[in-house]
Amino acid sequence: MAFYVYIVTNKKYGVLYTGMTDDINKRAWMHRDHVLPGFTDKYNCEMLVWYEVHESRESAFTRERRIKDWRRMWKIRLVEELNPEWNDLASELL
């Protein structure tokens, strides 16, 4: 089983949300369709702009916590290294 750390946003350079899941396709759909109330629903964070795969839940959890503590500019740099155009990567996955 794989685990994922991901970042969703509402637009390029917009609000950033970092999360973790074991089903990236389902989670991307949940954000896009506003299935769960909360931060991402409130700020319309529907675009999956970055993710990475981990082999264990513990590794993904640790990475998620570290990224959540990062400065905003570091998160933007992380997104742009993988996805300079800020494309919605969920379309590649689904």
Protein backbone atom coordinates (compact mmCIF):
# COMPACT_ATOMS: atom_id res chain seq x y z
CA MET A 1 0.00 0.00 0.00
CA ALA A 2 1.21 3.50 -0.82
CA PHE A 3 0.68 6.68 1.17
CA TYR A 4 0.68 10.19 -0.24
CA VAL A 5 1.50 13.67 1.00
CA TYR A 6 -0.13 16.31 -1.17
CA ILE A 7 -0.82 19.99 -1.63
CA VAL A 8 -4.09 21.41 -2.95
CA THR A 9 -4.86 25.03 -3.79
CA ASN A 10 -7.63 27.25 -5.10
CA LYS A 11 -5.44 28.94 -7.78
CA LYS A 12 -1.82 29.55 -8.71
CA TYR A 13 -0.11 31.14 -5.69
CA GLY A 14 -3.40 30.88 -3.80
CA VAL A 15 -4.28 29.22 -0.52
CA LEU A 16 -2.18 26.11 0.13
CA TYR A 17 -3.33 23.06 2.07
CA THR A 18 -1.07 20.10 2.86
CA GLY A 19 -2.60 16.72 3.59
CA MET A 20 -1.95 12.99 3.69
CA THR A 21 -3.93 10.03 2.34
CA ASP A 22 -3.68 6.41 1.28
CA ASP A 23 -5.97 6.99 -1.74
CA ILE A 24 -4.87 10.04 -3.73
CA ASN A 25 -7.58 9.62 -6.37
CA LYS A 26 -10.39 9.54 -3.83
CA ARG A 27 -8.94 12.43 -1.85
CA ALA A 28 -8.52 14.60 -4.96
CA TRP A 29 -12.16 13.91 -5.83
CA MET A 30 -13.24 14.75 -2.26
CA HIS A 31 -11.49 18.14 -2.43
CA ARG A 32 -12.79 18.91 -5.91
CA ASP A 33 -16.39 18.01 -5.03
CA HIS A 34 -16.33 19.60 -1.55
CA VAL A 35 -17.37 16.34 0.09
CA LEU A 36 -15.99 17.26 3.52
CA PRO A 37 -16.63 20.59 5.24
CA GLY A 38 -13.57 22.39 6.56
CA PHE A 39 -10.59 24.45 5.47
CA THR A 40 -10.31 23.22 1.87
CA ASP A 41 -14.06 23.53 1.34
CA LYS A 42 -14.13 27.05 2.79
CA TYR A 43 -11.25 28.26 0.62
CA ASN A 44 -12.18 26.27 -2.53
CA CYS A 45 -8.93 24.29 -2.59
CA GLU A 46 -9.83 21.99 -5.46
CA MET A 47 -6.58 21.71 -7.46
CA LEU A 48 -4.05 18.99 -6.64
CA VAL A 49 -0.76 20.70 -7.50
CA TRP A 50 1.82 18.51 -5.76
CA TYR A 51 2.13 15.06 -4.25
CA GLU A 52 4.73 12.48 -3.34
CA VAL A 53 4.51 8.78 -2.57
CA HIS A 54 5.64 7.13 0.68
CA GLU A 55 5.96 3.48 1.57
CA SER A 56 4.66 3.82 5.12
CA ARG A 57 1.98 5.78 6.94
CA GLU A 58 4.60 6.94 9.46
CA SER A 59 6.87 8.34 6.75
CA ALA A 60 3.99 10.20 5.09
CA PHE A 61 2.74 11.53 8.42
CA THR A 62 6.21 12.83 9.35
CA ARG A 63 6.64 14.50 5.96
CA GLU A 64 3.17 16.09 6.13
CA ARG A 65 3.91 17.57 9.57
CA ARG A 66 7.26 18.94 8.40
CA ILE A 67 5.74 20.59 5.33
CA LYS A 68 2.90 22.08 7.39
CA ASP A 69 5.55 23.81 9.50
CA TRP A 70 7.34 25.23 6.46
CA ARG A 71 7.23 28.83 5.34
CA ARG A 72 4.83 29.55 2.49
CA MET A 73 7.65 30.32 0.03
CA TRP A 74 9.21 26.90 0.64
CA LYS A 75 5.88 25.22 -0.21
CA ILE A 76 5.57 27.29 -3.39
CA ARG A 77 9.10 26.27 -4.39
CA LEU A 78 8.22 22.61 -3.73
CA VAL A 79 5.16 22.85 -5.99
CA GLU A 80 7.05 24.64 -8.75
CA GLU A 81 9.87 22.07 -8.81
CA LEU A 82 7.35 19.38 -9.79
CA ASN A 83 4.64 21.45 -11.40
CA PRO A 84 5.86 24.87 -12.63
CA GLU A 85 2.56 25.62 -14.40
CA TRP A 86 0.46 24.71 -11.34
CA ASN A 87 -1.62 22.26 -13.39
CA ASP A 88 -4.26 20.17 -11.64
CA LEU A 89 -2.47 16.83 -11.33
CA ALA A 90 -5.70 15.02 -10.42
CA SER A 91 -6.58 14.85 -14.11
CA GLU A 92 -3.42 12.78 -14.68
CA LEU A 93 -4.38 10.38 -11.90
CA LEU A 94 -8.06 9.85 -12.67
